[in-house]
Each structure stands twice: as C-alpha cells, then as structure tokens.
Amino acid sequence: MSPRRLSAALAQRLGHDATDGLVELLDDEKETMLNVAAERFERRLTEEISGLRVDLVRELHGMRADLFRWSFVFWIGQLATVIGVLTFIMLRHRI
C-alpha cells in the first residue's frame, strides 16, 4: 500500500515516517490475513470433500446391497420360470 492510497489528512497528521510505518504494517498484516484466510478455506474444503466422500461410500454401499437383493430376486424368478417351462414340456410329452 503506498502513501498515496492513504488520505492526505491522515498522512499529514501522522507525518512521513509514521505514514511509511503504517503502510508497512498494513502490508504485512494483509499478507498474514490472506494466508490465514487461505488456510481456513483449504481446511473447510478438505472437511467438505471428506464429508462428501463418506456420504458417497455409504450411498454406494446401500446401492450394492439393493443390487444384490434385486439380483437374487431376478435369479430366483428365472429359476422358477425355467422349472415351470421344463415341467410343462415334460407333462406335454407324457400325454
């Protein structure tokens, strides 16, 4: 931050040395605040991504259980149909 960005009244009241010191302090604190904000953002982003990952794993686990259940129902239905057709064919040939 340059002394030009400070108001003229403040620069005149503080004097040249104090104005330079204030500008340096504000520049240093600006960097510190940007670093703190970036670290907080990264931490929050990591927490959110971790939460989403856990939710995704739970959802996939539930879907896999449902898929297994429906697959079992499908194969039982197919087995019953094949047995029914074979029984029908065998009974037709006896008559």
C-alpha atoms as a PDB file:
ATOM      1  CA  MET A   1       0.000   0.000   0.000  1.00  0.00           C
ATOM      2  CA  SER A   2       1.542   3.300  -0.993  1.00  0.00           C
ATOM      3  CA  PRO A   3       1.245   6.561   0.947  1.00  0.00           C
ATOM      4  CA  ARG A   4      -0.826   7.871  -1.959  1.00  0.00           C
ATOM      5  CA  ARG A   5      -3.593   5.413  -1.058  1.00  0.00           C
ATOM      6  CA  LEU A   6      -3.864   6.913   2.429  1.00  0.00           C
ATOM      7  CA  SER A   7      -5.907  10.032   2.797  1.00  0.00           C
ATOM      8  CA  ALA A   8      -3.966  13.261   2.614  1.00  0.00           C
ATOM      9  CA  ALA A   9      -5.258  14.387   6.010  1.00  0.00           C
ATOM     10  CA  LEU A  10      -4.068  11.173   7.692  1.00  0.00           C
ATOM     11  CA  ALA A  11      -0.654  11.332   6.004  1.00  0.00           C
ATOM     12  CA  GLN A  12      -0.255  14.990   7.013  1.00  0.00           C
ATOM     13  CA  ARG A  13      -1.311  14.321  10.620  1.00  0.00           C
ATOM     14  CA  LEU A  14       0.957  11.284  11.070  1.00  0.00           C
ATOM     15  CA  GLY A  15       3.953  12.645   9.259  1.00  0.00           C
ATOM     16  CA  HIS A  16       6.151  10.969   6.663  1.00  0.00           C
ATOM     17  CA  ASP A  17       7.883   8.378   8.901  1.00  0.00           C
ATOM     18  CA  ALA A  18       4.705   7.319  10.692  1.00  0.00           C
ATOM     19  CA  THR A  19       2.848   7.076   7.389  1.00  0.00           C
ATOM     20  CA  ASP A  20       5.538   4.800   5.960  1.00  0.00           C
ATOM     21  CA  GLY A  21       5.451   2.667   9.117  1.00  0.00           C
ATOM     22  CA  LEU A  22       1.672   2.378   8.946  1.00  0.00           C
ATOM     23  CA  VAL A  23       1.791   1.371   5.279  1.00  0.00           C
ATOM     24  CA  GLU A  24       4.395  -1.317   6.013  1.00  0.00           C
ATOM     25  CA  LEU A  25       2.342  -2.636   8.934  1.00  0.00           C
ATOM     26  CA  LEU A  26      -0.792  -2.811   6.828  1.00  0.00           C
ATOM     27  CA  ASP A  27       1.070  -4.588   4.008  1.00  0.00           C
ATOM     28  CA  ASP A  28       2.479  -7.161   6.458  1.00  0.00           C
ATOM     29  CA  GLU A  29      -0.910  -7.746   8.060  1.00  0.00           C
ATOM     30  CA  LYS A  30      -2.551  -8.035   4.653  1.00  0.00           C
ATOM     31  CA  GLU A  31      -0.257 -10.943   3.775  1.00  0.00           C
ATOM     32  CA  THR A  32      -0.910 -12.567   7.151  1.00  0.00           C
ATOM     33  CA  MET A  33      -4.663 -12.235   6.768  1.00  0.00           C
ATOM     34  CA  LEU A  34      -4.555 -13.648   3.241  1.00  0.00           C
ATOM     35  CA  ASN A  35      -2.562 -16.637   4.492  1.00  0.00           C
ATOM     36  CA  VAL A  36      -4.974 -17.238   7.365  1.00  0.00           C
ATOM     37  CA  ALA A  37      -7.967 -16.970   5.051  1.00  0.00           C
ATOM     38  CA  ALA A  38      -6.377 -19.370   2.549  1.00  0.00           C
ATOM     39  CA  GLU A  39      -5.606 -21.906   5.302  1.00  0.00           C
ATOM     40  CA  ARG A  40      -9.178 -21.708   6.640  1.00  0.00           C
ATOM     41  CA  PHE A  41     -10.576 -22.149   3.146  1.00  0.00           C
ATOM     42  CA  GLU A  42      -8.354 -25.169   2.481  1.00  0.00           C
ATOM     43  CA  ARG A  43      -9.323 -26.738   5.811  1.00  0.00           C
ATOM     44  CA  ARG A  44     -13.021 -26.168   5.201  1.00  0.00           C
ATOM     45  CA  LEU A  45     -12.744 -27.506   1.650  1.00  0.00           C
ATOM     46  CA  THR A  46     -10.970 -30.622   2.927  1.00  0.00           C
ATOM     47  CA  GLU A  47     -13.688 -31.186   5.547  1.00  0.00           C
ATOM     48  CA  GLU A  48     -16.466 -30.805   2.980  1.00  0.00           C
ATOM     49  CA  ILE A  49     -14.794 -33.148   0.495  1.00  0.00           C
ATOM     50  CA  SER A  50     -14.238 -35.719   3.241  1.00  0.00           C
ATOM     51  CA  GLY A  51     -17.904 -35.500   4.210  1.00  0.00           C
ATOM     52  CA  LEU A  52     -18.980 -35.946   0.607  1.00  0.00           C
ATOM     53  CA  ARG A  53     -16.658 -38.918   0.237  1.00  0.00           C
ATOM     54  CA  VAL A  54     -18.187 -40.590   3.313  1.00  0.00           C
ATOM     55  CA  ASP A  55     -21.708 -39.935   2.004  1.00  0.00           C
ATOM     56  CA  LEU A  56     -20.763 -41.333  -1.396  1.00  0.00           C
ATOM     57  CA  VAL A  57     -19.309 -44.515   0.120  1.00  0.00           C
ATOM     58  CA  ARG A  58     -22.458 -45.015   2.216  1.00  0.00           C
ATOM     59  CA  GLU A  59     -24.676 -44.477  -0.818  1.00  0.00           C
ATOM     60  CA  LEU A  60     -22.651 -46.902  -2.939  1.00  0.00           C
ATOM     61  CA  HIS A  61     -22.767 -49.493  -0.163  1.00  0.00           C
ATOM     62  CA  GLY A  62     -26.551 -49.159   0.025  1.00  0.00           C
ATOM     63  CA  MET A  63     -26.864 -49.404  -3.756  1.00  0.00           C
ATOM     64  CA  ARG A  64     -24.692 -52.516  -3.803  1.00  0.00           C
ATOM     65  CA  ALA A  65     -26.909 -54.182  -1.193  1.00  0.00           C
ATOM     66  CA  ASP A  66     -30.017 -53.283  -3.209  1.00  0.00           C
ATOM     67  CA  LEU A  67     -28.397 -54.569  -6.392  1.00  0.00           C
ATOM     68  CA  PHE A  68     -27.552 -57.865  -4.701  1.00  0.00           C
ATOM     69  CA  ARG A  69     -31.111 -58.175  -3.377  1.00  0.00           C
ATOM     70  CA  TRP A  70     -32.704 -57.492  -6.779  1.00  0.00           C
ATOM     71  CA  SER A  71     -30.232 -59.798  -8.499  1.00  0.00           C
ATOM     72  CA  PHE A  72     -31.220 -62.559  -6.106  1.00  0.00           C
ATOM     73  CA  VAL A  73     -34.929 -61.946  -6.812  1.00  0.00           C
ATOM     74  CA  PHE A  74     -34.242 -61.950 -10.567  1.00  0.00           C
ATOM     75  CA  TRP A  75     -32.363 -65.263 -10.489  1.00  0.00           C
ATOM     76  CA  ILE A  76     -34.993 -66.919  -8.294  1.00  0.00           C
ATOM     77  CA  GLY A  77     -37.638 -65.744 -10.775  1.00  0.00           C
ATOM     78  CA  GLN A  78     -35.612 -67.068 -13.691  1.00  0.00           C
ATOM     79  CA  LEU A  79     -35.109 -70.410 -11.964  1.00  0.00           C
ATOM     80  CA  ALA A  80     -38.845 -70.700 -11.227  1.00  0.00           C
ATOM     81  CA  THR A  81     -39.663 -69.858 -14.861  1.00  0.00           C
ATOM     82  CA  VAL A  82     -37.221 -72.439 -16.237  1.00  0.00           C
ATOM     83  CA  ILE A  83     -38.542 -75.101 -13.859  1.00  0.00           C
ATOM     84  CA  GLY A  84     -42.103 -74.226 -14.862  1.00  0.00           C
ATOM     85  CA  VAL A  85     -41.322 -74.429 -18.587  1.00  0.00           C
ATOM     86  CA  LEU A  86     -39.459 -77.732 -18.187  1.00  0.00           C
ATOM     87  CA  THR A  87     -42.311 -79.166 -16.126  1.00  0.00           C
ATOM     88  CA  PHE A  88     -44.812 -78.048 -18.760  1.00  0.00           C
ATOM     89  CA  ILE A  89     -42.748 -79.624 -21.570  1.00  0.00           C
ATOM     90  CA  MET A  90     -42.314 -82.874 -19.654  1.00  0.00           C
ATOM     91  CA  LEU A  91     -46.050 -83.094 -18.902  1.00  0.00           C
ATOM     92  CA  ARG A  92     -46.970 -82.379 -22.533  1.00  0.00           C
ATOM     93  CA  HIS A  93     -44.743 -85.201 -23.794  1.00  0.00           C
ATOM     94  CA  ARG A  94     -46.273 -87.750 -21.419  1.00  0.00           C
ATOM     95  CA  ILE A  95     -49.788 -87.114 -22.660  1.00  0.00           C
END
